[in-house]
Amino acid sequence: MAKRTSRQEYGSAHWSAAESGRPEAPLLDVRDLTVAYGADDQAVVAVRAVSFTLQHGAVLGLVGESGCGKTTTALTLLRLLRPPARVVQGQIGFRGADLLLQSDRDMEQVRGNRISLIFQNPMTSLNPTYTIGAQIVEAIRAHRRIGGAEAWARATELMTMVGIPDGPERLRAYPHELSGGQRQRAIIAMAIALEPDLVIADEPTTALDVTIQAQILWLLTDLKNRLGMSMIYITHDLNVAASICDHIAVIYAGEIVEIAAARQILGNPSHPYTRGLVASLPETSWRERMVHPIKGHPPIYGRTLTHCPFAPRCAEVIDRCWQEHPALLPLGAEHAVRCIRRGEREADDGVH
């Protein structure tokens, strides 16, 4: 019988999104990333020992409630945090280099060029005093030594790629002259202008109606496939994540509580919080309109956790949940969960 790895060895389990046994190194390798807001004596930990890897061409979803640390994680990857936020520990390996150790000048070459970010609200992401074309051209020429005419031609090509009709005309428009969906497409055009290796999409469809949401999701999937880029998709909506992501990391109170293939998360979730998220999704049948929300509110914790942060809201809580902080335990090659009860079930099933 195979030897069971100790709980301590998986204290910050390292899990690989879209891991398929390919020999190449992962594009993104995040290890034990911890981010806090405030001074040491009053620090609030927003991201706690988060570890994952992302292979080339894969899409990883970060899913959780507002305030769970999703956006903080994204901003940390690009070194866009501002005081009082600070990185307490961790590594962000990207193309073999630790981004946390790079100079500000080196990071300027990474942002927008190698890694780009799509923000939630396109109206606040675009400068209202400049035309769409001027902003796309500026993004291109910030990283490429090309003339204005060549950059403008590239901007026109990008407008076609993201599905905005009458590209040359719309390039001369100001943000307020475009619809919400067109503004988001323009933001996507800027994000892919230099064909980055990784795009981080931070809830890019939240401010859009359902029909436009579906179009933007289809566009992102199409561009990802055509350009061969990887993506981190941040959302609070499991259905949206499942429609675009290969794998999903569920985040609660700043830490990953479950990570697995999207079909596993939706079809057979293991963590009580993940099961609660799935149960809270509206039924597709008009006859079954009841949803089952998770009771209570997410916590705010300081520097240390002495128990499971989900214990106050968990219907399966036991005494041990209040006495120790669970580790992230692997359940298979592409599945890990942070739950004391799950570890006990494995022991009861004879897993050693």
Protein backbone atom coordinates (compact mmCIF):
# COMPACT_ATOMS: atom_id res chain seq x y z
CA MET A 1 0.00 0.00 0.00
CA ALA A 2 1.37 3.42 -0.94
CA LYS A 3 2.74 5.57 1.85
CA ARG A 4 0.48 8.44 2.79
CA THR A 5 2.21 11.81 2.73
CA SER A 6 2.02 13.61 6.04
CA ARG A 7 -0.31 16.55 6.52
CA GLN A 8 2.64 18.82 7.28
CA GLU A 9 4.24 18.14 3.90
CA TYR A 10 1.22 19.65 2.20
CA GLY A 11 0.94 22.71 4.39
CA SER A 12 1.09 24.88 1.26
CA ALA A 13 0.36 22.30 -1.39
CA HIS A 14 1.68 23.15 -4.82
CA TRP A 15 -0.87 22.39 -7.49
CA SER A 16 -0.55 22.71 -11.26
CA ALA A 17 -3.34 24.00 -13.48
CA ALA A 18 -3.69 22.04 -16.73
CA GLU A 19 -0.84 19.76 -15.76
CA SER A 20 -0.52 17.09 -18.41
CA GLY A 21 2.93 15.64 -17.96
CA ARG A 22 4.49 17.95 -20.55
CA PRO A 23 8.20 18.51 -19.94
CA GLU A 24 8.26 22.29 -20.36
CA ALA A 25 8.37 24.54 -17.32
CA PRO A 26 5.13 26.26 -16.33
CA LEU A 27 4.52 29.79 -17.52
CA LEU A 28 3.53 30.98 -14.05
CA ASP A 29 4.73 29.47 -10.77
CA VAL A 30 3.30 31.07 -7.62
CA ARG A 31 4.58 29.77 -4.29
CA ASP A 32 3.37 30.62 -0.76
CA LEU A 33 2.23 34.11 -1.74
CA THR A 34 1.08 36.08 1.30
CA VAL A 35 -0.11 39.69 1.12
CA ALA A 36 -1.14 41.88 4.06
CA TYR A 37 -2.62 45.34 4.52
CA GLY A 38 -1.37 47.49 7.38
CA ALA A 39 1.45 47.46 9.91
CA ASP A 40 2.65 44.27 11.56
CA ASP A 41 0.71 44.75 14.78
CA GLN A 42 -2.57 45.46 12.98
CA ALA A 43 -2.08 43.67 9.67
CA VAL A 44 -5.00 42.11 7.85
CA VAL A 45 -3.89 39.21 5.65
CA ALA A 46 -5.70 39.39 2.31
CA VAL A 47 -3.85 36.56 0.55
CA ARG A 48 -2.52 33.66 2.59
CA ALA A 49 0.13 31.21 1.36
CA VAL A 50 -1.40 30.86 -2.10
CA SER A 51 0.43 28.42 -4.40
CA PHE A 52 -0.37 27.30 -7.94
CA THR A 53 1.25 26.89 -11.34
CA LEU A 54 -0.18 27.70 -14.74
CA GLN A 55 0.93 25.98 -17.93
CA HIS A 56 1.14 27.60 -21.35
CA GLY A 57 -2.29 27.91 -22.97
CA ALA A 58 -4.25 27.04 -19.81
CA VAL A 59 -7.07 29.04 -18.21
CA LEU A 60 -7.32 29.10 -14.41
CA GLY A 61 -10.32 30.60 -12.66
CA LEU A 62 -10.07 32.32 -9.29
CA VAL A 63 -13.54 32.14 -7.72
CA GLY A 64 -14.83 33.50 -4.43
CA GLU A 65 -16.89 36.13 -2.65
CA SER A 66 -16.06 39.82 -2.70
CA GLY A 67 -13.14 40.55 -0.41
CA CYS A 68 -11.67 37.04 -0.52
CA GLY A 69 -8.39 38.16 -2.11
CA LYS A 70 -8.93 37.52 -5.83
CA THR A 71 -8.12 41.02 -7.07
CA THR A 72 -5.29 41.45 -4.56
CA THR A 73 -3.72 38.30 -6.01
CA ALA A 74 -4.01 39.70 -9.54
CA LEU A 75 -2.50 43.06 -8.61
CA THR A 76 0.32 41.33 -6.76
CA LEU A 77 1.22 39.27 -9.83
CA LEU A 78 1.79 42.53 -11.70
CA ARG A 79 3.41 44.33 -8.75
CA LEU A 80 0.67 46.96 -8.77
CA LEU A 81 -0.02 46.94 -5.03
CA ARG A 82 0.28 50.25 -3.20
CA PRO A 83 0.80 50.90 0.54
CA PRO A 84 -0.51 49.90 2.98
CA ALA A 85 -0.54 46.62 1.00
CA ARG A 86 2.68 44.63 1.06
CA VAL A 87 3.97 41.20 0.14
CA VAL A 88 4.89 39.35 3.32
CA GLN A 89 6.39 36.29 1.65
CA GLY A 90 6.31 34.21 -1.49
CA GLN A 91 7.61 33.89 -5.03
CA ILE A 92 6.04 34.69 -8.39
CA GLY A 93 7.94 32.77 -11.03
CA PHE A 94 7.18 33.95 -14.56
CA ARG A 95 9.15 32.62 -17.51
CA GLY A 96 11.82 31.48 -15.06
CA ALA A 97 12.26 34.79 -13.20
CA ASP A 98 10.82 35.84 -9.83
CA LEU A 99 8.74 38.96 -10.49
CA LEU A 100 9.05 40.02 -6.86
CA LEU A 101 12.80 40.42 -7.35
CA GLN A 102 12.66 42.39 -10.60
CA SER A 103 13.44 46.09 -10.81
CA ASP A 104 10.72 48.64 -11.52
CA ARG A 105 12.16 49.13 -15.02
CA ASP A 106 12.02 45.40 -15.72
CA MET A 107 8.42 45.27 -14.49
CA GLU A 108 7.50 48.05 -16.91
CA GLN A 109 8.52 45.70 -19.70
CA VAL A 110 6.43 42.89 -18.23
CA ARG A 111 3.19 44.82 -17.75
CA GLY A 112 1.17 45.05 -20.93
CA ASN A 113 3.91 43.34 -22.89
CA ARG A 114 4.21 39.88 -21.29
CA ILE A 115 1.31 40.07 -18.83
CA SER A 116 -1.75 42.24 -19.38
CA LEU A 117 -4.73 43.02 -17.17
CA ILE A 118 -8.38 43.48 -18.13
CA PHE A 119 -10.20 45.44 -15.45
CA GLN A 120 -13.80 45.04 -14.36
CA ASN A 121 -15.20 48.42 -15.38
CA PRO A 122 -14.18 49.60 -18.86
CA MET A 123 -15.46 53.12 -18.27
CA THR A 124 -13.00 53.71 -15.43
CA SER A 125 -10.20 51.86 -17.25
CA LEU A 126 -10.27 54.17 -20.26
CA ASN A 127 -9.19 57.82 -20.24
CA PRO A 128 -12.30 59.83 -21.15
CA THR A 129 -10.22 62.67 -22.65
CA TYR A 130 -8.44 60.55 -25.28
CA THR A 131 -9.83 58.65 -28.24
CA ILE A 132 -9.89 54.87 -28.27
CA GLY A 133 -7.29 54.84 -31.03
CA ALA A 134 -4.91 57.14 -29.16
CA GLN A 135 -5.03 54.87 -26.12
CA ILE A 136 -4.43 51.67 -28.08
CA VAL A 137 -1.58 53.28 -30.04
CA GLU A 138 -0.01 54.51 -26.80
CA ALA A 139 -0.12 50.98 -25.37
CA ILE A 140 1.57 49.60 -28.49
CA ARG A 141 4.28 52.23 -28.77
CA ALA A 142 5.14 51.96 -25.08
CA HIS A 143 6.74 48.60 -25.85
CA ARG A 144 7.46 48.65 -29.60
CA ARG A 145 9.75 50.95 -31.57
CA ILE A 146 7.35 51.61 -34.43
CA GLY A 147 5.93 54.69 -36.11
CA GLY A 148 2.51 56.17 -35.53
CA ALA A 149 1.12 54.98 -38.85
CA GLU A 150 2.20 51.39 -38.21
CA ALA A 151 0.78 51.48 -34.69
CA TRP A 152 -2.50 52.88 -36.02
CA ALA A 153 -2.68 50.07 -38.58
CA ARG A 154 -2.17 47.57 -35.77
CA ALA A 155 -4.93 49.27 -33.75
CA THR A 156 -7.28 48.95 -36.73
CA GLU A 157 -6.44 45.26 -37.00
CA LEU A 158 -7.13 44.80 -33.30
CA MET A 159 -10.56 46.43 -33.60
CA THR A 160 -11.45 43.80 -36.18
CA MET A 161 -10.08 41.00 -34.01
CA VAL A 162 -12.28 41.98 -31.06
CA GLY A 163 -15.38 42.38 -33.20
CA ILE A 164 -15.87 46.17 -33.25
CA PRO A 165 -17.32 47.17 -36.65
CA ASP A 166 -16.11 50.23 -38.56
CA GLY A 167 -12.73 50.01 -36.86
CA PRO A 168 -11.08 53.18 -38.27
CA GLU A 169 -14.13 55.25 -37.40
CA ARG A 170 -14.50 53.83 -33.89
CA LEU A 171 -10.80 54.39 -33.21
CA ARG A 172 -11.52 58.13 -33.46
CA ALA A 173 -14.38 57.88 -30.95
CA TYR A 174 -14.14 58.75 -27.27
CA PRO A 175 -15.06 56.16 -24.62
CA HIS A 176 -18.43 57.74 -23.87
CA GLU A 177 -19.40 57.34 -27.54
CA LEU A 178 -19.15 53.54 -27.34
CA SER A 179 -21.54 51.09 -25.72
CA GLY A 180 -20.50 49.17 -22.62
CA GLY A 181 -19.78 46.05 -24.66
CA GLN A 182 -17.73 48.01 -27.19
CA ARG A 183 -15.71 49.67 -24.44
CA GLN A 184 -14.89 46.27 -22.95
CA ARG A 185 -13.88 45.02 -26.40
CA ALA A 186 -11.60 48.05 -26.75
CA ILE A 187 -10.01 47.20 -23.38
CA ILE A 188 -9.48 43.63 -24.59
CA ALA A 189 -7.90 45.00 -27.79
CA MET A 190 -5.40 46.93 -25.66
CA ALA A 191 -4.73 43.86 -23.54
CA ILE A 192 -3.86 41.65 -26.52
CA ALA A 193 -2.17 44.34 -28.60
CA LEU A 194 1.30 42.95 -27.95
CA GLU A 195 0.19 39.30 -27.83
CA PRO A 196 1.13 38.73 -24.18
CA ASP A 197 1.87 35.32 -22.71
CA LEU A 198 -0.68 35.83 -19.93
CA VAL A 199 -3.89 37.82 -19.66
CA ILE A 200 -5.47 38.40 -16.25
CA ALA A 201 -9.18 39.16 -16.61
CA ASP A 202 -10.62 40.65 -13.40
CA GLU A 203 -14.40 40.12 -13.63
CA PRO A 204 -14.54 41.68 -17.12
CA THR A 205 -18.25 40.94 -17.67
CA THR A 206 -19.73 42.01 -14.32
CA ALA A 207 -20.87 45.45 -15.55
CA LEU A 208 -22.46 44.03 -18.72
CA ASP A 209 -25.87 42.53 -19.41
CA VAL A 210 -26.21 38.78 -19.83
CA THR A 211 -26.22 38.74 -23.64
CA ILE A 212 -23.09 40.90 -23.87
CA GLN A 213 -21.44 38.81 -21.14
CA ALA A 214 -21.80 35.70 -23.29
CA GLN A 215 -20.31 37.50 -26.29
CA ILE A 216 -17.30 38.71 -24.30
CA LEU A 217 -16.70 35.24 -22.86
CA TRP A 218 -16.80 33.74 -26.35
CA LEU A 219 -14.42 36.45 -27.58
CA LEU A 220 -11.91 35.80 -24.78
CA THR A 221 -11.99 32.06 -25.46
CA ASP A 222 -11.53 32.61 -29.19
CA LEU A 223 -8.62 35.02 -28.70
CA LYS A 224 -6.97 32.69 -26.20
CA ASN A 225 -7.10 29.84 -28.72
CA ARG A 226 -5.97 31.97 -31.67
CA LEU A 227 -3.08 33.65 -29.88
CA GLY A 228 -2.07 30.69 -27.71
CA MET A 229 -2.00 32.76 -24.54
CA SER A 230 -2.70 31.68 -20.97
CA MET A 231 -5.35 33.31 -18.82
CA ILE A 232 -6.34 33.84 -15.22
CA TYR A 233 -10.05 34.59 -15.03
CA ILE A 234 -11.32 36.19 -11.82
CA THR A 235 -15.02 35.97 -10.99
CA HIS A 236 -17.53 35.36 -8.22
CA ASP A 237 -19.73 33.35 -10.60
CA LEU A 238 -19.02 29.61 -10.81
CA ASN A 239 -21.12 29.22 -13.95
CA VAL A 240 -19.08 31.87 -15.74
CA ALA A 241 -15.83 30.28 -14.57
CA ALA A 242 -16.93 26.85 -15.76
CA SER A 243 -17.76 28.23 -19.21
CA ILE A 244 -14.26 29.55 -19.87
CA CYS A 245 -11.81 27.91 -17.45
CA ASP A 246 -10.02 24.58 -17.63
CA HIS A 247 -9.47 24.56 -13.87
CA ILE A 248 -10.85 26.53 -10.94
CA ALA A 249 -9.29 27.61 -7.65
CA VAL A 250 -11.91 28.43 -5.02
CA ILE A 251 -10.68 31.09 -2.59
CA TYR A 252 -12.05 31.78 0.87
CA ALA A 253 -10.64 34.21 3.45
CA GLY A 254 -7.54 34.74 1.32
CA GLU A 255 -6.55 31.11 0.80
CA ILE A 256 -7.28 28.38 -1.71
CA VAL A 257 -9.76 25.93 -0.20
CA GLU A 258 -10.22 23.76 -3.29
CA ILE A 259 -8.62 23.55 -6.70
CA ALA A 260 -9.54 21.13 -9.47
CA ALA A 261 -10.75 20.77 -13.03
CA ALA A 262 -13.82 22.91 -13.71
CA ARG A 263 -15.99 19.85 -14.28
CA GLN A 264 -14.89 18.45 -10.90
CA ILE A 265 -15.69 21.68 -9.08
CA LEU A 266 -19.21 21.88 -10.52
CA GLY A 267 -20.01 18.18 -10.65
CA ASN A 268 -18.42 16.78 -7.51
CA PRO A 269 -17.08 19.50 -5.17
CA SER A 270 -15.32 18.38 -1.99
CA HIS A 271 -15.01 21.43 0.25
CA PRO A 272 -18.17 22.53 2.13
CA TYR A 273 -17.70 26.09 0.87
CA THR A 274 -17.44 24.93 -2.74
CA ARG A 275 -20.54 22.81 -2.27
CA GLY A 276 -22.29 25.86 -0.85
CA LEU A 277 -21.33 27.92 -3.90
CA VAL A 278 -22.65 25.23 -6.23
CA ALA A 279 -25.90 24.93 -4.20
CA SER A 280 -26.41 28.70 -4.37
CA LEU A 281 -26.48 28.69 -8.17
CA PRO A 282 -29.97 29.28 -9.61
CA GLU A 283 -31.66 26.22 -11.07
CA THR A 284 -31.91 26.15 -14.85
CA SER A 285 -35.50 24.91 -14.74
CA TRP A 286 -38.18 27.58 -14.36
CA ARG A 287 -40.00 25.21 -12.03
CA GLU A 288 -37.12 25.23 -9.55
CA ARG A 289 -36.33 28.81 -8.74
CA MET A 290 -35.13 28.25 -5.16
CA VAL A 291 -31.48 28.96 -4.36
CA HIS A 292 -29.66 27.96 -1.20
CA PRO A 293 -27.38 30.77 -0.02
CA ILE A 294 -24.47 30.22 2.35
CA LYS A 295 -25.39 31.57 5.77
CA GLY A 296 -23.21 34.07 7.59
CA HIS A 297 -20.45 36.37 6.37
CA PRO A 298 -16.81 35.85 5.38
CA PRO A 299 -14.35 36.67 8.18
CA ILE A 300 -11.56 39.19 8.48
CA TYR A 301 -8.48 37.65 10.06
CA GLY A 302 -5.15 38.92 11.25
CA ARG A 303 -1.76 37.36 10.72
CA THR A 304 -2.44 33.85 11.99
CA LEU A 305 -5.24 31.32 11.72
CA THR A 306 -5.69 28.84 14.54
CA HIS A 307 -8.80 27.17 13.12
CA CYS A 308 -10.66 26.68 9.86
CA PRO A 309 -11.88 30.10 8.65
CA PHE A 310 -15.05 28.53 7.24
CA ALA A 311 -15.98 26.87 10.55
CA PRO A 312 -18.48 29.58 11.64
CA ARG A 313 -20.53 29.03 8.46
CA CYS A 314 -20.02 25.31 7.91
CA ALA A 315 -22.87 22.84 8.39
CA GLU A 316 -20.34 19.99 8.78
CA VAL A 317 -18.17 21.61 11.46
CA ILE A 318 -16.68 19.42 14.20
CA ASP A 319 -14.56 20.21 17.25
CA ARG A 320 -11.27 19.72 15.36
CA CYS A 321 -12.27 22.47 12.94
CA TRP A 322 -12.06 24.97 15.81
CA GLN A 323 -8.75 23.60 17.05
CA GLU A 324 -6.51 23.52 13.98
CA HIS A 325 -6.04 25.22 10.65
CA PRO A 326 -6.46 22.67 7.82
CA ALA A 327 -3.76 22.08 5.23
CA LEU A 328 -4.38 21.85 1.50
CA LEU A 329 -4.43 18.10 0.87
CA PRO A 330 -4.09 16.51 -2.59
CA LEU A 331 -6.94 14.22 -3.62
CA GLY A 332 -5.39 13.36 -6.98
CA ALA A 333 -3.11 14.69 -9.70
CA GLU A 334 -5.46 17.62 -10.43
CA HIS A 335 -7.45 18.04 -7.22
CA ALA A 336 -6.67 19.41 -3.75
CA VAL A 337 -8.89 20.49 -0.87
CA ARG A 338 -8.39 22.28 2.45
CA CYS A 339 -10.74 20.47 4.84
CA ILE A 340 -10.25 18.49 8.06
CA ARG A 341 -13.37 16.44 7.42
CA ARG A 342 -12.12 15.44 3.98
CA GLY A 343 -8.87 14.20 5.53
CA GLU A 344 -10.84 12.11 7.99
CA ARG A 345 -12.93 10.61 5.19
CA GLU A 346 -9.78 9.57 3.35
CA ALA A 347 -8.51 7.86 6.50
CA ASP A 348 -11.86 6.10 6.97
CA ASP A 349 -11.72 4.93 3.34
CA GLY A 350 -8.32 3.36 3.94
CA VAL A 351 -6.16 5.90 2.10
CA HIS A 352 -2.62 5.80 3.51
